Amino acid sequence: MRYIFLFVFLFFSSPIFSQIIYIEEIEESDEKGWSGAVELEYDYSKSTEIDIEFINTSFLQWNNENWIFFLLNEIDFNRAGDVDFANDGHQHFRISYHVKDNYTIELFAQNQHDLVHNIENRGLAGLGMRTKLPVLDIIGVSAFYEYEELVDALSNEDVRLSVYNQLSFNISE
């Protein structure tokens, strides 16, 4: 089975033209019920020019035996004078259904803007499946529709396939 995933990943992957956001950095909690966190940062200073920075990272999750609802919001804005050093944000919503102990079906939607990197708006929606394996930890496959509009009014529509693997291990106790 793992050789099939490796074959698909190596030989049928297409060049990636858009920026990929790694959502897995905030792991779903195994706790049942509600969980979440909010982080807010704000900095304002004025010397010869005004420097403003605002960062927000927040997520909310509801988990029971079979379902997980996960919402993530991240915003980063940093301007000094008339220059934007960061002006981006993204929202990610995922519904996961645990079919069996190690198999999960996921439905997800995502919205993003990143004006510094020329992305006016990028949205995607898709469906996927992941499993936990003893050797490979988590491996998954998903298909999604993506619409991307760039600042210079160019736009792009794609249907994409994503195959991913997440490995984790302890180096020492």
N, C-alpha and C. Protein backbone atom coordinates (compact mmCIF):
# COMPACT_ATOMS: atom_id res chain seq x y z
N MET A 1 0.82 -1.20 0.00
CA MET A 1 0.00 0.00 0.00
C MET A 1 0.86 1.26 0.00
N ARG A 2 1.92 1.27 0.81
CA ARG A 2 2.75 2.46 0.88
C ARG A 2 3.50 2.70 -0.42
N TYR A 3 3.77 1.63 -1.19
CA TYR A 3 4.46 1.80 -2.47
C TYR A 3 3.54 2.47 -3.49
N ILE A 4 2.27 2.22 -3.39
CA ILE A 4 1.30 2.88 -4.28
C ILE A 4 1.29 4.37 -4.01
N PHE A 5 1.23 4.77 -2.72
CA PHE A 5 1.24 6.19 -2.37
C PHE A 5 2.55 6.84 -2.82
N LEU A 6 3.66 6.17 -2.65
CA LEU A 6 4.96 6.70 -3.05
C LEU A 6 5.02 6.88 -4.57
N PHE A 7 4.50 5.92 -5.31
CA PHE A 7 4.47 5.99 -6.77
C PHE A 7 3.63 7.18 -7.23
N VAL A 8 2.43 7.34 -6.67
CA VAL A 8 1.55 8.45 -7.04
C VAL A 8 2.22 9.78 -6.70
N PHE A 9 2.82 9.86 -5.55
CA PHE A 9 3.45 11.11 -5.10
C PHE A 9 4.62 11.51 -6.01
N LEU A 10 5.46 10.56 -6.37
CA LEU A 10 6.66 10.88 -7.14
C LEU A 10 6.38 11.11 -8.62
N PHE A 11 5.47 10.34 -9.22
CA PHE A 11 5.33 10.38 -10.66
C PHE A 11 4.11 11.15 -11.17
N PHE A 12 3.16 11.43 -10.33
CA PHE A 12 1.99 12.13 -10.80
C PHE A 12 1.79 13.47 -10.12
N SER A 13 2.78 13.95 -9.41
CA SER A 13 2.65 15.27 -8.80
C SER A 13 2.94 16.31 -9.86
N SER A 14 2.18 17.39 -9.83
CA SER A 14 2.37 18.46 -10.80
C SER A 14 3.08 19.63 -10.12
N PRO A 15 3.66 20.53 -10.89
CA PRO A 15 4.32 21.69 -10.28
C PRO A 15 3.31 22.51 -9.47
N ILE A 16 3.77 23.02 -8.36
CA ILE A 16 2.91 23.81 -7.49
C ILE A 16 3.16 25.28 -7.78
N PHE A 17 2.11 26.00 -8.19
CA PHE A 17 2.25 27.40 -8.55
C PHE A 17 1.82 28.32 -7.42
N SER A 18 1.00 27.88 -6.53
CA SER A 18 0.51 28.76 -5.47
C SER A 18 1.15 28.39 -4.15
N GLN A 19 0.99 29.30 -3.21
CA GLN A 19 1.56 29.11 -1.88
C GLN A 19 0.72 28.12 -1.11
N ILE A 20 1.35 27.17 -0.46
CA ILE A 20 0.66 26.16 0.32
C ILE A 20 0.75 26.54 1.79
N ILE A 21 -0.36 26.46 2.49
CA ILE A 21 -0.39 26.76 3.92
C ILE A 21 -0.39 25.44 4.68
N TYR A 22 0.52 25.31 5.62
CA TYR A 22 0.63 24.09 6.41
C TYR A 22 -0.28 24.21 7.63
N ILE A 23 -1.44 23.60 7.58
CA ILE A 23 -2.44 23.69 8.63
C ILE A 23 -2.14 22.72 9.76
N GLU A 24 -1.43 21.66 9.50
CA GLU A 24 -1.20 20.61 10.49
C GLU A 24 -0.33 21.04 11.66
N GLU A 25 0.25 22.27 11.60
CA GLU A 25 1.09 22.72 12.71
C GLU A 25 0.28 22.87 13.99
N ILE A 26 -1.01 23.11 13.88
CA ILE A 26 -1.89 23.12 15.04
C ILE A 26 -2.65 21.80 15.00
N GLU A 27 -2.25 20.87 15.82
CA GLU A 27 -2.81 19.53 15.78
C GLU A 27 -4.19 19.50 16.42
N GLU A 28 -5.03 18.65 15.86
CA GLU A 28 -6.33 18.43 16.47
C GLU A 28 -6.13 17.78 17.83
N SER A 29 -6.86 18.24 18.80
CA SER A 29 -6.75 17.70 20.14
C SER A 29 -7.57 16.42 20.26
N ASP A 30 -7.11 15.50 21.09
CA ASP A 30 -7.86 14.28 21.34
C ASP A 30 -8.89 14.47 22.45
N GLU A 31 -8.87 15.63 23.10
CA GLU A 31 -9.84 15.90 24.17
C GLU A 31 -11.24 15.99 23.59
N LYS A 32 -12.19 15.44 24.30
CA LYS A 32 -13.59 15.51 23.86
C LYS A 32 -14.19 16.84 24.30
N GLY A 33 -15.10 17.35 23.50
CA GLY A 33 -15.74 18.62 23.81
C GLY A 33 -15.05 19.78 23.11
N TRP A 34 -15.17 20.97 23.70
CA TRP A 34 -14.63 22.19 23.12
C TRP A 34 -13.19 22.44 23.55
N SER A 35 -12.36 22.94 22.65
CA SER A 35 -11.01 23.40 22.98
C SER A 35 -10.65 24.50 21.99
N GLY A 36 -9.65 25.29 22.34
CA GLY A 36 -9.24 26.37 21.46
C GLY A 36 -8.24 27.28 22.12
N ALA A 37 -7.80 28.27 21.37
CA ALA A 37 -6.85 29.25 21.87
C ALA A 37 -6.94 30.51 21.02
N VAL A 38 -6.59 31.64 21.65
CA VAL A 38 -6.56 32.92 20.96
C VAL A 38 -5.26 33.62 21.33
N GLU A 39 -4.54 34.09 20.31
CA GLU A 39 -3.32 34.86 20.53
C GLU A 39 -3.47 36.19 19.80
N LEU A 40 -3.29 37.29 20.52
CA LEU A 40 -3.37 38.63 19.94
C LEU A 40 -2.08 39.38 20.25
N GLU A 41 -1.51 40.02 19.24
CA GLU A 41 -0.35 40.87 19.43
C GLU A 41 -0.61 42.19 18.71
N TYR A 42 -0.27 43.29 19.36
CA TYR A 42 -0.45 44.61 18.76
C TYR A 42 0.74 45.47 19.16
N ASP A 43 1.31 46.18 18.19
CA ASP A 43 2.43 47.06 18.44
C ASP A 43 2.25 48.32 17.61
N TYR A 44 2.35 49.46 18.26
CA TYR A 44 2.24 50.74 17.59
C TYR A 44 3.37 51.63 18.08
N SER A 45 4.12 52.18 17.15
CA SER A 45 5.17 53.13 17.54
C SER A 45 5.27 54.22 16.48
N LYS A 46 5.68 55.39 16.95
CA LYS A 46 5.83 56.51 16.04
C LYS A 46 7.12 57.23 16.38
N SER A 47 8.01 57.26 15.40
CA SER A 47 9.22 58.08 15.50
C SER A 47 9.17 59.04 14.32
N THR A 48 9.90 58.75 13.27
CA THR A 48 9.77 59.57 12.07
C THR A 48 8.58 59.10 11.23
N GLU A 49 8.21 57.81 11.35
CA GLU A 49 7.05 57.25 10.65
C GLU A 49 6.29 56.36 11.62
N ILE A 50 5.07 56.07 11.26
CA ILE A 50 4.24 55.20 12.09
C ILE A 50 4.52 53.74 11.73
N ASP A 51 4.73 52.93 12.75
CA ASP A 51 4.95 51.49 12.58
C ASP A 51 3.83 50.77 13.32
N ILE A 52 3.04 50.00 12.59
CA ILE A 52 1.90 49.27 13.17
C ILE A 52 2.08 47.79 12.87
N GLU A 53 1.87 46.97 13.89
CA GLU A 53 1.89 45.52 13.70
C GLU A 53 0.73 44.91 14.48
N PHE A 54 -0.01 44.02 13.80
CA PHE A 54 -1.12 43.30 14.42
C PHE A 54 -1.04 41.84 13.99
N ILE A 55 -1.08 40.94 14.96
CA ILE A 55 -1.05 39.50 14.67
C ILE A 55 -2.17 38.83 15.48
N ASN A 56 -2.93 37.99 14.84
CA ASN A 56 -3.98 37.22 15.51
C ASN A 56 -3.89 35.78 15.03
N THR A 57 -3.82 34.86 15.97
CA THR A 57 -3.91 33.44 15.67
C THR A 57 -4.95 32.86 16.63
N SER A 58 -5.96 32.25 16.09
CA SER A 58 -6.98 31.66 16.95
C SER A 58 -7.53 30.39 16.30
N PHE A 59 -7.89 29.43 17.15
CA PHE A 59 -8.54 28.24 16.63
C PHE A 59 -9.58 27.77 17.64
N LEU A 60 -10.55 27.07 17.11
CA LEU A 60 -11.64 26.53 17.90
C LEU A 60 -11.92 25.13 17.39
N GLN A 61 -12.15 24.21 18.32
CA GLN A 61 -12.40 22.82 17.93
C GLN A 61 -13.47 22.21 18.82
N TRP A 62 -14.32 21.41 18.19
CA TRP A 62 -15.27 20.58 18.93
C TRP A 62 -15.03 19.15 18.50
N ASN A 63 -14.92 18.24 19.48
CA ASN A 63 -14.54 16.86 19.21
C ASN A 63 -15.44 15.92 20.01
N ASN A 64 -15.97 14.89 19.35
CA ASN A 64 -16.62 13.81 20.07
C ASN A 64 -16.07 12.49 19.55
N GLU A 65 -16.73 11.40 19.80
CA GLU A 65 -16.19 10.08 19.41
C GLU A 65 -15.93 9.96 17.91
N ASN A 66 -16.84 10.48 17.07
CA ASN A 66 -16.74 10.27 15.63
C ASN A 66 -16.42 11.53 14.82
N TRP A 67 -16.73 12.71 15.34
CA TRP A 67 -16.63 13.95 14.57
C TRP A 67 -15.65 14.93 15.20
N ILE A 68 -14.98 15.71 14.34
CA ILE A 68 -14.19 16.85 14.78
C ILE A 68 -14.53 18.03 13.86
N PHE A 69 -14.88 19.16 14.45
CA PHE A 69 -15.07 20.41 13.73
C PHE A 69 -13.93 21.33 14.14
N PHE A 70 -13.17 21.85 13.18
CA PHE A 70 -11.95 22.61 13.45
C PHE A 70 -11.97 23.90 12.65
N LEU A 71 -11.76 25.04 13.31
CA LEU A 71 -11.72 26.35 12.67
C LEU A 71 -10.43 27.06 13.07
N LEU A 72 -9.69 27.54 12.09
CA LEU A 72 -8.42 28.24 12.33
C LEU A 72 -8.47 29.60 11.63
N ASN A 73 -8.00 30.64 12.31
CA ASN A 73 -7.91 31.98 11.74
C ASN A 73 -6.54 32.55 12.07
N GLU A 74 -5.82 33.05 11.06
CA GLU A 74 -4.53 33.70 11.28
C GLU A 74 -4.46 34.98 10.45
N ILE A 75 -4.07 36.07 11.10
CA ILE A 75 -3.93 37.37 10.44
C ILE A 75 -2.58 37.96 10.86
N ASP A 76 -1.85 38.51 9.90
CA ASP A 76 -0.56 39.15 10.17
C ASP A 76 -0.48 40.42 9.34
N PHE A 77 -0.42 41.57 10.02
CA PHE A 77 -0.32 42.86 9.35
C PHE A 77 0.82 43.64 9.98
N ASN A 78 1.77 44.10 9.14
CA ASN A 78 2.91 44.87 9.63
C ASN A 78 3.23 45.95 8.61
N ARG A 79 3.04 47.20 8.99
CA ARG A 79 3.28 48.33 8.09
C ARG A 79 4.17 49.36 8.78
N ALA A 80 5.19 49.82 8.07
CA ALA A 80 6.04 50.92 8.53
C ALA A 80 5.99 52.00 7.46
N GLY A 81 5.50 53.16 7.84
CA GLY A 81 5.32 54.22 6.85
C GLY A 81 4.28 53.78 5.84
N ASP A 82 4.64 53.77 4.58
CA ASP A 82 3.72 53.33 3.52
C ASP A 82 4.09 51.95 2.97
N VAL A 83 4.96 51.22 3.67
CA VAL A 83 5.44 49.93 3.17
C VAL A 83 4.85 48.81 4.03
N ASP A 84 4.21 47.85 3.35
CA ASP A 84 3.69 46.67 4.04
C ASP A 84 4.76 45.59 4.06
N PHE A 85 5.17 45.18 5.25
CA PHE A 85 6.10 44.07 5.39
C PHE A 85 5.35 42.75 5.50
N ALA A 86 4.13 42.82 5.98
CA ALA A 86 3.24 41.66 6.02
C ALA A 86 1.81 42.17 5.92
N ASN A 87 1.02 41.52 5.12
CA ASN A 87 -0.41 41.83 5.00
C ASN A 87 -1.09 40.56 4.50
N ASP A 88 -1.25 39.61 5.42
CA ASP A 88 -1.80 38.34 4.99
C ASP A 88 -2.70 37.76 6.06
N GLY A 89 -3.49 36.81 5.65
CA GLY A 89 -4.36 36.10 6.57
C GLY A 89 -4.95 34.89 5.89
N HIS A 90 -5.37 33.95 6.70
CA HIS A 90 -6.08 32.79 6.14
C HIS A 90 -7.02 32.22 7.19
N GLN A 91 -8.06 31.60 6.68
CA GLN A 91 -9.04 30.91 7.49
C GLN A 91 -9.16 29.50 6.94
N HIS A 92 -9.28 28.54 7.85
CA HIS A 92 -9.38 27.14 7.45
C HIS A 92 -10.47 26.49 8.30
N PHE A 93 -11.39 25.80 7.64
CA PHE A 93 -12.46 25.07 8.33
C PHE A 93 -12.42 23.63 7.87
N ARG A 94 -12.43 22.69 8.83
CA ARG A 94 -12.36 21.27 8.50
C ARG A 94 -13.35 20.49 9.34
N ILE A 95 -14.03 19.56 8.68
CA ILE A 95 -14.89 18.60 9.37
C ILE A 95 -14.28 17.23 9.13
N SER A 96 -14.01 16.51 10.21
CA SER A 96 -13.42 15.17 10.10
C SER A 96 -14.38 14.15 10.69
N TYR A 97 -14.54 13.05 9.98
CA TYR A 97 -15.37 11.95 10.46
C TYR A 97 -14.51 10.69 10.56
N HIS A 98 -14.43 10.12 11.75
CA HIS A 98 -13.63 8.91 11.98
C HIS A 98 -14.45 7.69 11.58
N VAL A 99 -14.10 7.10 10.43
CA VAL A 99 -14.81 5.93 9.91
C VAL A 99 -14.51 4.72 10.77
N LYS A 100 -13.23 4.48 11.01
CA LYS A 100 -12.76 3.40 11.88
C LYS A 100 -11.69 4.00 12.77
N ASP A 101 -11.04 3.17 13.56
CA ASP A 101 -10.02 3.67 14.48
C ASP A 101 -8.93 4.48 13.78
N ASN A 102 -8.45 4.02 12.65
CA ASN A 102 -7.32 4.67 11.99
C ASN A 102 -7.67 5.39 10.69
N TYR A 103 -8.92 5.44 10.30
CA TYR A 103 -9.32 6.06 9.04
C TYR A 103 -10.24 7.24 9.29
N THR A 104 -9.93 8.36 8.61
CA THR A 104 -10.71 9.59 8.78
C THR A 104 -11.01 10.19 7.42
N ILE A 105 -12.26 10.58 7.21
CA ILE A 105 -12.66 11.32 6.01
C ILE A 105 -12.75 12.79 6.41
N GLU A 106 -12.21 13.67 5.55
CA GLU A 106 -12.17 15.10 5.86
C GLU A 106 -12.81 15.92 4.74
N LEU A 107 -13.57 16.91 5.14
CA LEU A 107 -14.13 17.91 4.24
C LEU A 107 -13.56 19.24 4.70
N PHE A 108 -13.01 20.05 3.79
CA PHE A 108 -12.35 21.28 4.23
C PHE A 108 -12.58 22.42 3.25
N ALA A 109 -12.48 23.64 3.77
CA ALA A 109 -12.54 24.87 2.98
C ALA A 109 -11.51 25.83 3.55
N GLN A 110 -10.96 26.64 2.67
CA GLN A 110 -9.89 27.55 3.11
C GLN A 110 -9.96 28.84 2.31
N ASN A 111 -9.67 29.95 2.96
CA ASN A 111 -9.60 31.25 2.30
C ASN A 111 -8.27 31.89 2.70
N GLN A 112 -7.65 32.61 1.75
CA GLN A 112 -6.36 33.22 2.03
C GLN A 112 -6.21 34.51 1.23
N HIS A 113 -5.52 35.47 1.82
CA HIS A 113 -5.01 36.62 1.08
C HIS A 113 -3.59 36.91 1.58
N ASP A 114 -2.75 37.36 0.67
CA ASP A 114 -1.37 37.70 1.02
C ASP A 114 -0.90 38.75 0.01
N LEU A 115 -1.17 40.01 0.33
CA LEU A 115 -0.90 41.09 -0.62
C LEU A 115 0.58 41.29 -0.87
N VAL A 116 1.44 41.01 0.09
CA VAL A 116 2.88 41.13 -0.10
C VAL A 116 3.37 40.12 -1.13
N HIS A 117 2.75 38.93 -1.17
CA HIS A 117 3.12 37.91 -2.14
C HIS A 117 2.17 37.87 -3.34
N ASN A 118 1.44 38.98 -3.58
CA ASN A 118 0.64 39.17 -4.78
C ASN A 118 -0.65 38.34 -4.83
N ILE A 119 -1.12 37.79 -3.71
CA ILE A 119 -2.36 37.01 -3.71
C ILE A 119 -3.49 37.88 -3.17
N GLU A 120 -4.37 38.29 -4.06
CA GLU A 120 -5.55 39.08 -3.66
C GLU A 120 -6.52 38.21 -2.87
N ASN A 121 -6.82 37.04 -3.41
CA ASN A 121 -7.70 36.10 -2.72
C ASN A 121 -7.48 34.70 -3.29
N ARG A 122 -7.46 33.74 -2.42
CA ARG A 122 -7.32 32.34 -2.82
C ARG A 122 -8.28 31.53 -1.98
N GLY A 123 -9.13 30.79 -2.62
CA GLY A 123 -10.08 29.94 -1.91
C GLY A 123 -10.00 28.53 -2.43
N LEU A 124 -10.24 27.59 -1.54
CA LEU A 124 -10.28 26.20 -1.99
C LEU A 124 -11.25 25.41 -1.12
N ALA A 125 -11.75 24.34 -1.69
CA ALA A 125 -12.64 23.43 -0.99
C ALA A 125 -12.35 22.03 -1.49
N GLY A 126 -12.36 21.06 -0.57
CA GLY A 126 -12.02 19.72 -0.99
C GLY A 126 -12.45 18.64 -0.03
N LEU A 127 -12.12 17.42 -0.42
CA LEU A 127 -12.47 16.22 0.33
C LEU A 127 -11.25 15.31 0.32
N GLY A 128 -10.99 14.65 1.45
CA GLY A 128 -9.84 13.77 1.51
C GLY A 128 -10.01 12.68 2.53
N MET A 129 -9.01 11.82 2.59
CA MET A 129 -8.99 10.73 3.56
C MET A 129 -7.58 10.57 4.08
N ARG A 130 -7.47 10.29 5.37
CA ARG A 130 -6.16 10.04 5.98
C ARG A 130 -6.24 8.82 6.86
N THR A 131 -5.07 8.22 7.08
CA THR A 131 -4.99 7.06 7.93
C THR A 131 -3.72 7.13 8.76
N LYS A 132 -3.74 6.46 9.90
CA LYS A 132 -2.56 6.35 10.74
C LYS A 132 -1.96 4.97 10.51
N LEU A 133 -0.67 4.96 10.15
CA LEU A 133 0.04 3.71 9.92
C LEU A 133 1.19 3.61 10.90
N PRO A 134 1.56 2.40 11.30
CA PRO A 134 2.65 2.25 12.28
C PRO A 134 3.98 2.84 11.83
N VAL A 135 4.33 2.67 10.57
CA VAL A 135 5.64 3.11 10.10
C VAL A 135 5.61 4.56 9.59
N LEU A 136 4.58 4.91 8.83
CA LEU A 136 4.52 6.22 8.19
C LEU A 136 3.77 7.27 9.02
N ASP A 137 3.28 6.93 10.18
CA ASP A 137 2.51 7.83 11.04
C ASP A 137 1.21 8.20 10.36
N ILE A 138 1.12 9.36 9.73
CA ILE A 138 -0.12 9.75 9.06
C ILE A 138 0.16 9.91 7.58
N ILE A 139 -0.70 9.31 6.76
CA ILE A 139 -0.61 9.47 5.32
C ILE A 139 -2.01 9.77 4.81
N GLY A 140 -2.11 10.68 3.85
CA GLY A 140 -3.42 11.06 3.36
C GLY A 140 -3.42 11.45 1.91
N VAL A 141 -4.59 11.49 1.35
CA VAL A 141 -4.80 11.93 -0.02
C VAL A 141 -6.06 12.79 -0.04
N SER A 142 -6.03 13.86 -0.81
CA SER A 142 -7.21 14.71 -0.93
C SER A 142 -7.26 15.31 -2.32
N ALA A 143 -8.46 15.67 -2.72
CA ALA A 143 -8.69 16.38 -3.99
C ALA A 143 -9.44 17.65 -3.65
N PHE A 144 -9.08 18.75 -4.33
CA PHE A 144 -9.76 20.00 -4.03
C PHE A 144 -9.82 20.91 -5.24
N TYR A 145 -10.82 21.78 -5.21
CA TYR A 145 -10.97 22.83 -6.21
C TYR A 145 -10.35 24.10 -5.63
N GLU A 146 -9.57 24.81 -6.44
CA GLU A 146 -8.89 26.02 -5.99
C GLU A 146 -9.14 27.16 -6.97
N TYR A 147 -9.47 28.33 -6.44
CA TYR A 147 -9.59 29.54 -7.24
C TYR A 147 -8.64 30.57 -6.64
N GLU A 148 -7.79 31.14 -7.49
CA GLU A 148 -6.80 32.11 -7.03
C GLU A 148 -6.88 33.36 -7.89
N GLU A 149 -6.96 34.51 -7.22
CA GLU A 149 -6.98 35.80 -7.90
C GLU A 149 -5.78 36.60 -7.42
N LEU A 150 -4.93 37.02 -8.35
CA LEU A 150 -3.73 37.76 -8.00
C LEU A 150 -4.00 39.26 -8.02
N VAL A 151 -3.11 40.03 -7.40
CA VAL A 151 -3.28 41.48 -7.28
C VAL A 151 -3.34 42.13 -8.65
N ASP A 152 -2.58 41.64 -9.61
CA ASP A 152 -2.56 42.24 -10.95
C ASP A 152 -3.71 41.75 -11.82
N ALA A 153 -4.79 41.25 -11.20
CA ALA A 153 -6.04 40.85 -11.85
C ALA A 153 -5.96 39.54 -12.61
N LEU A 154 -4.86 38.82 -12.56
CA LEU A 154 -4.82 37.49 -13.14
C LEU A 154 -5.54 36.53 -12.21
N SER A 155 -6.16 35.52 -12.78
CA SER A 155 -6.82 34.52 -11.94
C SER A 155 -6.53 33.13 -12.49
N ASN A 156 -6.71 32.15 -11.63
CA ASN A 156 -6.41 30.78 -11.99
C ASN A 156 -7.38 29.86 -11.27
N GLU A 157 -7.87 28.85 -11.98
CA GLU A 157 -8.73 27.82 -11.39
C GLU A 157 -8.07 26.47 -11.63
N ASP A 158 -8.07 25.63 -10.58
CA ASP A 158 -7.46 24.31 -10.70
C ASP A 158 -8.26 23.30 -9.91
N VAL A 159 -8.19 22.06 -10.34
CA VAL A 159 -8.59 20.93 -9.52
C VAL A 159 -7.30 20.19 -9.25
N ARG A 160 -7.00 19.99 -7.95
CA ARG A 160 -5.70 19.45 -7.59
C ARG A 160 -5.83 18.21 -6.73
N LEU A 161 -4.80 17.41 -6.78
CA LEU A 161 -4.68 16.21 -5.95
C LEU A 161 -3.49 16.42 -5.03
N SER A 162 -3.67 16.11 -3.76
CA SER A 162 -2.60 16.26 -2.78
C SER A 162 -2.40 14.93 -2.07
N VAL A 163 -1.16 14.47 -2.02
CA VAL A 163 -0.79 13.29 -1.26
C VAL A 163 0.23 13.76 -0.23
N TYR A 164 -0.01 13.46 1.03
CA TYR A 164 0.87 13.97 2.07
C TYR A 164 1.17 12.90 3.11
N ASN A 165 2.27 13.13 3.81
CA ASN A 165 2.72 12.22 4.85
C ASN A 165 3.25 13.06 6.00
N GLN A 166 2.87 12.71 7.21
CA GLN A 166 3.36 13.40 8.40
C GLN A 166 4.08 12.38 9.26
N LEU A 167 5.37 12.62 9.48
CA LEU A 167 6.17 11.73 10.31
C LEU A 167 6.48 12.43 11.62
N SER A 168 6.43 11.71 12.71
CA SER A 168 6.86 12.26 13.99
C SER A 168 7.49 11.14 14.81
N PHE A 169 8.53 11.50 15.53
CA PHE A 169 9.22 10.51 16.36
C PHE A 169 9.97 11.25 17.45
N ASN A 170 10.22 10.53 18.54
CA ASN A 170 11.00 11.08 19.64
C ASN A 170 12.47 10.73 19.44
N ILE A 171 13.31 11.73 19.57
CA ILE A 171 14.75 11.50 19.45
C ILE A 171 15.26 10.83 20.72
N SER A 172 14.77 11.30 21.86
CA SER A 172 15.13 10.69 23.13
C SER A 172 13.96 10.86 24.10
N GLU A 173 14.04 10.17 25.23
CA GLU A 173 12.97 10.24 26.19
C GLU A 173 13.09 11.52 26.98
